[in-house]
N, C-alpha and C. Protein backbone atom coordinates (compact mmCIF):
# COMPACT_ATOMS: atom_id res chain seq x y z
N MET A 1 92.00 98.79 83.62
CA MET A 1 92.40 97.64 84.44
C MET A 1 93.38 96.74 83.70
N ASN A 2 93.90 97.18 82.60
CA ASN A 2 94.85 96.35 81.86
C ASN A 2 96.13 96.07 82.65
N PHE A 3 96.44 96.92 83.61
CA PHE A 3 97.66 96.74 84.39
C PHE A 3 97.72 95.38 85.07
N ILE A 4 96.59 94.86 85.46
CA ILE A 4 96.54 93.64 86.26
C ILE A 4 97.08 92.42 85.52
N ASN A 5 96.99 92.42 84.20
CA ASN A 5 97.41 91.24 83.44
C ASN A 5 98.89 90.93 83.56
N LYS A 6 99.72 91.91 83.88
CA LYS A 6 101.15 91.61 84.03
C LYS A 6 101.43 90.76 85.28
N TYR A 7 100.43 90.64 86.17
CA TYR A 7 100.58 89.82 87.37
C TYR A 7 100.07 88.40 87.17
N ASN A 8 99.68 88.08 85.96
CA ASN A 8 99.17 86.75 85.65
C ASN A 8 100.34 85.79 85.45
N ASN A 9 100.95 85.42 86.53
CA ASN A 9 102.06 84.49 86.54
C ASN A 9 101.50 83.09 86.82
N LYS A 10 102.01 82.07 86.17
CA LYS A 10 101.45 80.72 86.34
C LYS A 10 101.51 80.24 87.80
N LYS A 11 102.41 80.80 88.59
CA LYS A 11 102.49 80.42 90.00
C LYS A 11 101.54 81.23 90.88
N ASN A 12 100.96 82.30 90.34
CA ASN A 12 100.05 83.15 91.10
C ASN A 12 98.65 82.53 91.07
N ILE A 13 98.43 81.59 91.96
CA ILE A 13 97.17 80.84 91.97
C ILE A 13 95.98 81.70 92.38
N ARG A 14 96.24 82.88 92.94
CA ARG A 14 95.18 83.78 93.37
C ARG A 14 94.88 84.87 92.34
N PHE A 15 95.54 84.82 91.19
CA PHE A 15 95.43 85.91 90.21
C PHE A 15 93.98 86.21 89.82
N GLU A 16 93.21 85.21 89.46
CA GLU A 16 91.84 85.45 88.99
C GLU A 16 90.99 86.10 90.07
N LEU A 17 91.19 85.70 91.32
CA LEU A 17 90.45 86.31 92.43
C LEU A 17 90.84 87.78 92.59
N PHE A 18 92.15 88.06 92.54
CA PHE A 18 92.59 89.46 92.66
C PHE A 18 92.09 90.29 91.48
N LYS A 19 92.12 89.73 90.30
CA LYS A 19 91.65 90.45 89.11
C LYS A 19 90.17 90.80 89.27
N LYS A 20 89.37 89.82 89.63
CA LYS A 20 87.93 90.05 89.82
C LYS A 20 87.70 91.08 90.92
N THR A 21 88.43 90.97 92.01
CA THR A 21 88.29 91.90 93.13
C THR A 21 88.60 93.33 92.70
N LEU A 22 89.69 93.51 91.98
CA LEU A 22 90.08 94.86 91.58
C LEU A 22 89.15 95.42 90.50
N GLU A 23 88.58 94.58 89.69
CA GLU A 23 87.58 95.05 88.72
C GLU A 23 86.34 95.57 89.45
N ILE A 24 85.89 94.83 90.46
CA ILE A 24 84.75 95.28 91.26
C ILE A 24 85.11 96.56 92.01
N ALA A 25 86.30 96.59 92.58
CA ALA A 25 86.76 97.78 93.32
C ALA A 25 86.78 99.01 92.42
N GLU A 26 87.22 98.83 91.19
CA GLU A 26 87.24 99.96 90.25
C GLU A 26 85.82 100.43 89.94
N ARG A 27 84.91 99.51 89.67
CA ARG A 27 83.52 99.87 89.37
C ARG A 27 82.87 100.61 90.54
N ARG A 28 83.20 100.20 91.75
CA ARG A 28 82.60 100.81 92.95
C ARG A 28 83.34 102.08 93.40
N GLY A 29 84.48 102.36 92.78
CA GLY A 29 85.24 103.55 93.17
C GLY A 29 85.91 103.40 94.54
N LEU A 30 86.32 102.20 94.86
CA LEU A 30 86.94 101.94 96.17
C LEU A 30 88.36 102.49 96.21
N LYS A 31 88.72 103.16 97.30
CA LYS A 31 90.01 103.85 97.37
C LYS A 31 90.88 103.42 98.56
N ILE A 32 90.28 103.05 99.66
CA ILE A 32 91.04 102.73 100.87
C ILE A 32 91.15 101.21 101.00
N ILE A 33 92.37 100.70 100.79
CA ILE A 33 92.64 99.27 100.84
C ILE A 33 93.45 98.98 102.09
N VAL A 34 93.07 97.95 102.81
CA VAL A 34 93.81 97.51 104.00
C VAL A 34 94.08 96.02 103.85
N GLU A 35 95.34 95.65 104.06
CA GLU A 35 95.67 94.22 104.08
C GLU A 35 96.47 93.92 105.34
N THR A 36 96.16 92.77 105.92
CA THR A 36 96.97 92.28 107.03
C THR A 36 97.79 91.12 106.49
N GLY A 37 99.07 91.17 106.74
CA GLY A 37 99.99 90.21 106.16
C GLY A 37 100.45 90.75 104.82
N THR A 38 101.64 91.27 104.76
CA THR A 38 102.15 91.88 103.54
C THR A 38 102.84 90.84 102.68
N SER A 39 103.01 91.13 101.40
CA SER A 39 103.73 90.21 100.51
C SER A 39 105.19 90.20 100.91
N ARG A 40 105.69 89.05 101.26
CA ARG A 40 107.04 88.98 101.80
C ARG A 40 108.11 88.66 100.77
N GLY A 41 107.71 88.17 99.62
CA GLY A 41 108.71 87.77 98.64
C GLY A 41 109.59 86.67 99.21
N LYS A 42 110.72 86.47 98.59
CA LYS A 42 111.68 85.51 99.15
C LYS A 42 113.08 85.92 98.77
N LYS A 43 114.00 85.50 99.59
CA LYS A 43 115.40 85.85 99.37
C LYS A 43 116.06 84.79 98.53
N LYS A 44 116.90 85.25 97.64
CA LYS A 44 117.72 84.34 96.86
C LYS A 44 119.16 84.72 97.18
N PHE A 45 119.94 83.79 97.53
CA PHE A 45 121.28 84.03 98.05
C PHE A 45 121.14 84.82 99.35
N PHE A 46 121.98 85.81 99.60
CA PHE A 46 121.93 86.52 100.87
C PHE A 46 121.24 87.87 100.79
N PHE A 47 121.15 88.43 99.61
CA PHE A 47 120.68 89.81 99.52
C PHE A 47 119.66 90.05 98.41
N PHE A 48 119.60 89.19 97.42
CA PHE A 48 118.72 89.40 96.28
C PHE A 48 117.31 88.96 96.64
N LYS A 49 116.34 89.85 96.46
CA LYS A 49 114.95 89.54 96.77
C LYS A 49 114.18 89.36 95.48
N ARG A 50 113.22 88.45 95.50
CA ARG A 50 112.40 88.27 94.30
C ARG A 50 110.96 87.98 94.71
N PHE A 51 110.09 88.12 93.75
CA PHE A 51 108.67 87.87 94.00
C PHE A 51 108.46 86.41 94.39
N ASN A 52 107.47 86.20 95.24
CA ASN A 52 107.06 84.85 95.59
C ASN A 52 105.60 84.71 95.16
N TRP A 53 105.39 84.31 93.92
CA TRP A 53 104.05 84.27 93.35
C TRP A 53 103.13 83.31 94.08
N LYS A 54 103.68 82.31 94.75
CA LYS A 54 102.83 81.38 95.49
C LYS A 54 102.11 82.10 96.63
N ASP A 55 102.68 83.21 97.09
CA ASP A 55 102.02 84.03 98.11
C ASP A 55 101.02 85.00 97.50
N GLY A 56 100.97 85.11 96.17
CA GLY A 56 100.01 85.96 95.50
C GLY A 56 100.50 87.37 95.21
N MET A 57 101.41 87.88 95.98
CA MET A 57 101.97 89.23 95.78
C MET A 57 100.88 90.30 95.77
N SER A 58 99.94 90.18 96.69
CA SER A 58 98.82 91.12 96.78
C SER A 58 99.29 92.55 96.99
N THR A 59 100.31 92.74 97.81
CA THR A 59 100.78 94.09 98.12
C THR A 59 101.19 94.82 96.85
N LEU A 60 101.85 94.13 95.97
CA LEU A 60 102.29 94.74 94.71
C LEU A 60 101.10 95.13 93.85
N MET A 61 100.13 94.24 93.71
CA MET A 61 98.95 94.54 92.90
C MET A 61 98.11 95.65 93.52
N PHE A 62 97.90 95.58 94.83
CA PHE A 62 97.11 96.60 95.50
C PHE A 62 97.80 97.97 95.45
N SER A 63 99.13 97.98 95.56
CA SER A 63 99.84 99.26 95.53
C SER A 63 99.72 99.92 94.16
N GLU A 64 99.81 99.14 93.11
CA GLU A 64 99.66 99.72 91.78
C GLU A 64 98.22 100.19 91.55
N PHE A 65 97.26 99.42 92.01
CA PHE A 65 95.86 99.83 91.90
C PHE A 65 95.64 101.14 92.65
N ALA A 66 96.17 101.24 93.86
CA ALA A 66 96.03 102.49 94.64
C ALA A 66 96.65 103.66 93.89
N HIS A 67 97.79 103.43 93.29
CA HIS A 67 98.46 104.48 92.52
C HIS A 67 97.59 104.93 91.35
N LEU A 68 97.04 103.98 90.61
CA LEU A 68 96.25 104.29 89.42
C LEU A 68 94.92 104.96 89.75
N THR A 69 94.39 104.71 90.94
CA THR A 69 93.08 105.25 91.32
C THR A 69 93.19 106.39 92.32
N ASN A 70 94.42 106.83 92.59
CA ASN A 70 94.67 107.87 93.59
C ASN A 70 94.10 107.44 94.95
N GLY A 71 94.31 106.17 95.27
CA GLY A 71 93.83 105.61 96.53
C GLY A 71 94.96 105.41 97.50
N GLU A 72 94.71 104.59 98.51
CA GLU A 72 95.69 104.30 99.56
C GLU A 72 95.70 102.80 99.85
N LEU A 73 96.89 102.28 100.01
CA LEU A 73 97.05 100.92 100.52
C LEU A 73 97.70 101.01 101.88
N HIS A 74 97.06 100.40 102.87
CA HIS A 74 97.61 100.30 104.22
C HIS A 74 97.92 98.82 104.44
N SER A 75 99.20 98.51 104.59
CA SER A 75 99.64 97.12 104.69
C SER A 75 100.31 96.90 106.04
N CYS A 76 99.82 95.92 106.78
CA CYS A 76 100.31 95.65 108.14
C CYS A 76 100.89 94.24 108.22
N ASP A 77 102.03 94.14 108.86
CA ASP A 77 102.65 92.84 109.11
C ASP A 77 103.42 92.94 110.41
N ILE A 78 103.51 91.86 111.12
CA ILE A 78 104.23 91.85 112.39
C ILE A 78 105.75 91.75 112.19
N SER A 79 106.16 91.40 110.97
CA SER A 79 107.57 91.19 110.67
C SER A 79 108.18 92.40 109.94
N LYS A 80 109.20 92.97 110.53
CA LYS A 80 109.92 94.08 109.90
C LYS A 80 110.56 93.62 108.59
N GLU A 81 111.08 92.42 108.56
CA GLU A 81 111.71 91.90 107.34
C GLU A 81 110.69 91.82 106.20
N ASN A 82 109.49 91.33 106.49
CA ASN A 82 108.45 91.27 105.46
C ASN A 82 108.08 92.67 104.97
N ILE A 83 107.95 93.60 105.88
CA ILE A 83 107.63 94.99 105.51
C ILE A 83 108.74 95.57 104.65
N ASP A 84 110.00 95.35 105.04
CA ASP A 84 111.12 95.88 104.26
C ASP A 84 111.14 95.30 102.84
N ASN A 85 110.87 94.02 102.72
CA ASN A 85 110.79 93.40 101.39
C ASN A 85 109.66 94.03 100.57
N ALA A 86 108.50 94.19 101.19
CA ALA A 86 107.36 94.77 100.48
C ALA A 86 107.64 96.21 100.07
N LYS A 87 108.33 96.95 100.90
CA LYS A 87 108.70 98.33 100.54
C LYS A 87 109.58 98.34 99.30
N ASP A 88 110.50 97.39 99.20
CA ASP A 88 111.34 97.29 98.01
C ASP A 88 110.49 97.00 96.76
N PHE A 89 109.55 96.07 96.89
CA PHE A 89 108.72 95.68 95.75
C PHE A 89 107.80 96.81 95.28
N THR A 90 107.39 97.65 96.21
CA THR A 90 106.38 98.67 95.89
C THR A 90 106.94 100.09 95.84
N LYS A 91 108.25 100.23 95.81
CA LYS A 91 108.84 101.58 95.88
C LYS A 91 108.35 102.50 94.77
N LYS A 92 107.98 101.96 93.64
CA LYS A 92 107.46 102.76 92.54
C LYS A 92 106.15 103.45 92.92
N TYR A 93 105.42 102.88 93.87
CA TYR A 93 104.11 103.38 94.27
C TYR A 93 104.09 103.88 95.72
N ARG A 94 105.26 104.19 96.26
CA ARG A 94 105.39 104.51 97.68
C ARG A 94 104.52 105.67 98.15
N ASN A 95 104.13 106.57 97.25
CA ASN A 95 103.27 107.68 97.65
C ASN A 95 101.85 107.25 97.99
N ASN A 96 101.50 106.04 97.61
CA ASN A 96 100.15 105.54 97.86
C ASN A 96 100.10 104.39 98.86
N VAL A 97 101.25 104.09 99.48
CA VAL A 97 101.31 102.94 100.39
C VAL A 97 101.85 103.37 101.75
N ILE A 98 101.18 102.91 102.80
CA ILE A 98 101.65 103.13 104.16
C ILE A 98 101.80 101.75 104.80
N PHE A 99 102.97 101.51 105.36
CA PHE A 99 103.26 100.22 105.99
C PHE A 99 103.26 100.37 107.50
N TYR A 100 102.86 99.30 108.17
CA TYR A 100 102.78 99.27 109.63
C TYR A 100 103.39 97.97 110.12
N ILE A 101 104.29 98.07 111.07
CA ILE A 101 104.85 96.88 111.71
C ILE A 101 104.13 96.75 113.05
N LYS A 102 103.08 95.95 113.04
CA LYS A 102 102.23 95.81 114.23
C LYS A 102 101.50 94.48 114.18
N ASP A 103 100.97 94.11 115.31
CA ASP A 103 100.03 93.00 115.37
C ASP A 103 98.77 93.42 114.62
N SER A 104 98.25 92.56 113.77
CA SER A 104 97.13 92.94 112.91
C SER A 104 95.86 93.30 113.68
N VAL A 105 95.57 92.60 114.74
CA VAL A 105 94.34 92.88 115.50
C VAL A 105 94.46 94.27 116.14
N PHE A 106 95.59 94.56 116.75
CA PHE A 106 95.81 95.88 117.34
C PHE A 106 95.72 96.96 116.26
N PHE A 107 96.37 96.73 115.12
CA PHE A 107 96.35 97.68 114.02
C PHE A 107 94.92 97.96 113.56
N LEU A 108 94.14 96.91 113.36
CA LEU A 108 92.76 97.09 112.87
C LEU A 108 91.89 97.82 113.89
N LYS A 109 92.08 97.54 115.17
CA LYS A 109 91.30 98.24 116.20
C LYS A 109 91.58 99.73 116.18
N LYS A 110 92.82 100.11 115.91
CA LYS A 110 93.24 101.51 115.96
C LYS A 110 93.08 102.23 114.62
N PHE A 111 92.84 101.51 113.55
CA PHE A 111 92.74 102.13 112.23
C PHE A 111 91.57 103.10 112.22
N SER A 112 91.79 104.32 111.74
CA SER A 112 90.78 105.37 111.92
C SER A 112 89.95 105.68 110.68
N LYS A 113 90.22 105.08 109.56
CA LYS A 113 89.48 105.37 108.33
C LYS A 113 88.47 104.27 108.04
N LYS A 114 87.48 104.61 107.21
CA LYS A 114 86.58 103.60 106.68
C LYS A 114 87.34 102.81 105.62
N ILE A 115 87.13 101.52 105.57
CA ILE A 115 87.87 100.63 104.68
C ILE A 115 86.96 100.20 103.53
N ASP A 116 87.48 100.37 102.32
CA ASP A 116 86.73 99.97 101.13
C ASP A 116 87.02 98.53 100.71
N LEU A 117 88.28 98.15 100.81
CA LEU A 117 88.71 96.80 100.41
C LEU A 117 89.61 96.27 101.52
N LEU A 118 89.21 95.16 102.10
CA LEU A 118 89.94 94.54 103.21
C LEU A 118 90.42 93.16 102.80
N TYR A 119 91.69 92.91 103.00
CA TYR A 119 92.25 91.58 102.72
C TYR A 119 92.89 91.05 103.99
N LEU A 120 92.31 90.02 104.58
CA LEU A 120 92.84 89.42 105.80
C LEU A 120 93.71 88.23 105.43
N ASP A 121 95.01 88.46 105.52
CA ASP A 121 96.00 87.46 105.09
C ASP A 121 97.14 87.33 106.09
N SER A 122 96.88 87.62 107.35
CA SER A 122 97.95 87.44 108.33
C SER A 122 97.86 86.03 108.90
N TYR A 123 98.89 85.63 109.55
CA TYR A 123 98.95 84.33 110.25
C TYR A 123 98.92 83.18 109.26
N ASP A 124 99.95 82.40 109.26
CA ASP A 124 99.99 81.23 108.39
C ASP A 124 98.95 80.21 108.85
N GLY A 125 98.38 79.50 107.91
CA GLY A 125 97.30 78.57 108.20
C GLY A 125 97.74 77.17 108.57
N HIS A 126 98.97 77.00 109.03
CA HIS A 126 99.44 75.66 109.37
C HIS A 126 98.69 75.08 110.56
N ASP A 127 98.35 75.93 111.52
CA ASP A 127 97.51 75.53 112.64
C ASP A 127 96.12 76.12 112.36
N VAL A 128 95.24 75.31 111.81
CA VAL A 128 93.95 75.78 111.31
C VAL A 128 93.14 76.46 112.42
N GLU A 129 93.08 75.85 113.56
CA GLU A 129 92.29 76.41 114.67
C GLU A 129 92.82 77.78 115.10
N LEU A 130 94.12 77.86 115.34
CA LEU A 130 94.73 79.12 115.78
C LEU A 130 94.60 80.20 114.70
N ALA A 131 94.86 79.84 113.46
CA ALA A 131 94.76 80.81 112.36
C ALA A 131 93.32 81.29 112.19
N SER A 132 92.37 80.38 112.32
CA SER A 132 90.95 80.75 112.19
C SER A 132 90.49 81.65 113.33
N GLN A 133 90.95 81.37 114.53
CA GLN A 133 90.62 82.24 115.66
C GLN A 133 91.20 83.64 115.44
N HIS A 134 92.44 83.68 114.97
CA HIS A 134 93.09 84.98 114.73
C HIS A 134 92.32 85.79 113.67
N GLN A 135 91.92 85.14 112.59
CA GLN A 135 91.19 85.85 111.55
C GLN A 135 89.83 86.34 112.07
N LEU A 136 89.20 85.58 112.95
CA LEU A 136 87.96 86.04 113.57
C LEU A 136 88.21 87.27 114.43
N TYR A 137 89.29 87.28 115.20
CA TYR A 137 89.64 88.47 116.00
C TYR A 137 89.83 89.69 115.09
N GLU A 138 90.48 89.48 113.94
CA GLU A 138 90.66 90.57 112.98
C GLU A 138 89.30 91.06 112.49
N ALA A 139 88.42 90.13 112.14
CA ALA A 139 87.09 90.49 111.64
C ALA A 139 86.33 91.31 112.67
N LYS A 140 86.36 90.88 113.90
CA LYS A 140 85.66 91.62 114.97
C LYS A 140 86.28 92.99 115.20
N ALA A 141 87.58 93.11 115.03
CA ALA A 141 88.26 94.39 115.24
C ALA A 141 87.94 95.40 114.15
N VAL A 142 87.52 94.92 112.98
CA VAL A 142 87.39 95.81 111.82
C VAL A 142 85.95 95.99 111.34
N ILE A 143 85.03 95.23 111.82
CA ILE A 143 83.68 95.22 111.27
C ILE A 143 83.04 96.61 111.24
N ASP A 144 83.29 97.43 112.23
CA ASP A 144 82.67 98.76 112.27
C ASP A 144 83.37 99.78 111.37
N LYS A 145 84.44 99.36 110.70
CA LYS A 145 85.17 100.25 109.80
C LYS A 145 84.84 99.96 108.33
N LEU A 146 83.93 99.05 108.11
CA LEU A 146 83.50 98.68 106.76
C LEU A 146 82.18 99.38 106.44
N ASN A 147 81.90 99.51 105.15
CA ASN A 147 80.64 100.12 104.74
C ASN A 147 79.88 99.16 103.82
N GLU A 148 78.73 99.58 103.33
CA GLU A 148 77.90 98.68 102.53
C GLU A 148 78.51 98.33 101.18
N ASN A 149 79.50 99.09 100.70
CA ASN A 149 80.17 98.77 99.44
C ASN A 149 81.51 98.07 99.62
N SER A 150 81.90 97.85 100.85
CA SER A 150 83.22 97.25 101.11
C SER A 150 83.31 95.83 100.55
N LEU A 151 84.50 95.50 100.10
CA LEU A 151 84.83 94.13 99.71
C LEU A 151 85.75 93.56 100.77
N VAL A 152 85.55 92.31 101.12
CA VAL A 152 86.38 91.63 102.10
C VAL A 152 86.90 90.35 101.47
N LEU A 153 88.22 90.19 101.46
CA LEU A 153 88.85 88.95 101.00
C LEU A 153 89.41 88.22 102.22
N LEU A 154 89.12 86.94 102.30
CA LEU A 154 89.63 86.10 103.39
C LEU A 154 90.60 85.10 102.79
N ASP A 155 91.84 85.13 103.24
CA ASP A 155 92.85 84.25 102.68
C ASP A 155 92.71 82.83 103.21
N ASP A 156 93.13 81.90 102.38
CA ASP A 156 93.24 80.49 102.74
C ASP A 156 91.93 79.88 103.23
N LYS A 157 90.95 79.86 102.35
CA LYS A 157 89.65 79.28 102.67
C LYS A 157 89.84 77.88 103.27
N GLY A 158 89.26 77.69 104.42
CA GLY A 158 89.36 76.40 105.10
C GLY A 158 90.51 76.31 106.08
N ALA A 159 91.60 77.04 105.81
CA ALA A 159 92.75 77.00 106.72
C ALA A 159 92.74 78.17 107.70
N LYS A 160 91.96 79.22 107.40
CA LYS A 160 91.88 80.37 108.29
C LYS A 160 90.45 80.87 108.47
N THR A 161 89.53 80.39 107.68
CA THR A 161 88.20 81.01 107.59
C THR A 161 87.10 80.27 108.34
N LEU A 162 87.46 79.38 109.24
CA LEU A 162 86.44 78.57 109.91
C LEU A 162 85.38 79.41 110.61
N TYR A 163 85.75 80.58 111.12
CA TYR A 163 84.82 81.41 111.89
C TYR A 163 84.54 82.75 111.24
N SER A 164 85.51 83.32 110.57
CA SER A 164 85.37 84.68 110.04
C SER A 164 84.34 84.76 108.91
N LYS A 165 84.30 83.76 108.07
CA LYS A 165 83.34 83.77 106.95
C LYS A 165 81.91 83.89 107.49
N ASP A 166 81.56 83.04 108.43
CA ASP A 166 80.22 83.08 109.02
C ASP A 166 79.97 84.40 109.75
N TYR A 167 81.00 84.91 110.40
CA TYR A 167 80.87 86.19 111.12
C TYR A 167 80.50 87.31 110.15
N PHE A 168 81.18 87.37 109.01
CA PHE A 168 80.87 88.42 108.04
C PHE A 168 79.46 88.22 107.45
N VAL A 169 79.08 86.99 107.17
CA VAL A 169 77.74 86.71 106.63
C VAL A 169 76.68 87.14 107.65
N LYS A 170 76.88 86.82 108.91
CA LYS A 170 75.93 87.22 109.96
C LYS A 170 75.83 88.74 110.09
N ASN A 171 76.87 89.44 109.64
CA ASN A 171 76.88 90.89 109.71
C ASN A 171 76.52 91.55 108.38
N GLY A 172 75.85 90.80 107.51
CA GLY A 172 75.27 91.37 106.31
C GLY A 172 76.10 91.31 105.04
N PHE A 173 77.23 90.66 105.08
CA PHE A 173 78.06 90.55 103.88
C PHE A 173 77.62 89.34 103.07
N LYS A 174 77.78 89.44 101.74
CA LYS A 174 77.43 88.35 100.84
C LYS A 174 78.71 87.71 100.31
N ILE A 175 78.66 86.44 100.09
CA ILE A 175 79.79 85.73 99.50
C ILE A 175 79.68 85.81 97.99
N LEU A 176 80.72 86.36 97.35
CA LEU A 176 80.71 86.51 95.90
C LEU A 176 81.43 85.36 95.19
N ALA A 177 82.42 84.80 95.85
CA ALA A 177 83.19 83.71 95.20
C ALA A 177 83.64 82.70 96.23
């Protein structure tokens, strides 16, 4: 798990959570990772793309983890531009990453594999009520695709998690952090 330390950027406020998550995932042998909301990076000038550590860059970390563990990362975003940026960032690990340009709820309903690690990070949390409702819809769409060893990460505690956190707890999940 030494690979993760290169993502310890001072702007990556989610680094410790991702590190802990991937350490647990490695111990449990988790292979199928699904994230809604891909790492979008940011544009500098008109064409140069760079990491946006404030967004956490989960797609990059998850893609490398999938590569190292012979796993799969399935990353869904409604924005083609975000997907294209993430494809650029993860091209080194492209054999382990599948991208989807879809609505996250529709994507999760149709996803056919059991999910080991789920990261719900779609929808910006500027409208807390709307974002929280959306994350709950995602949770309901995916609950039957999780197993007893699955890890679930909910982005933006308080800004998106008003309903989903309780939903997962009611369905037998424990809060680790």
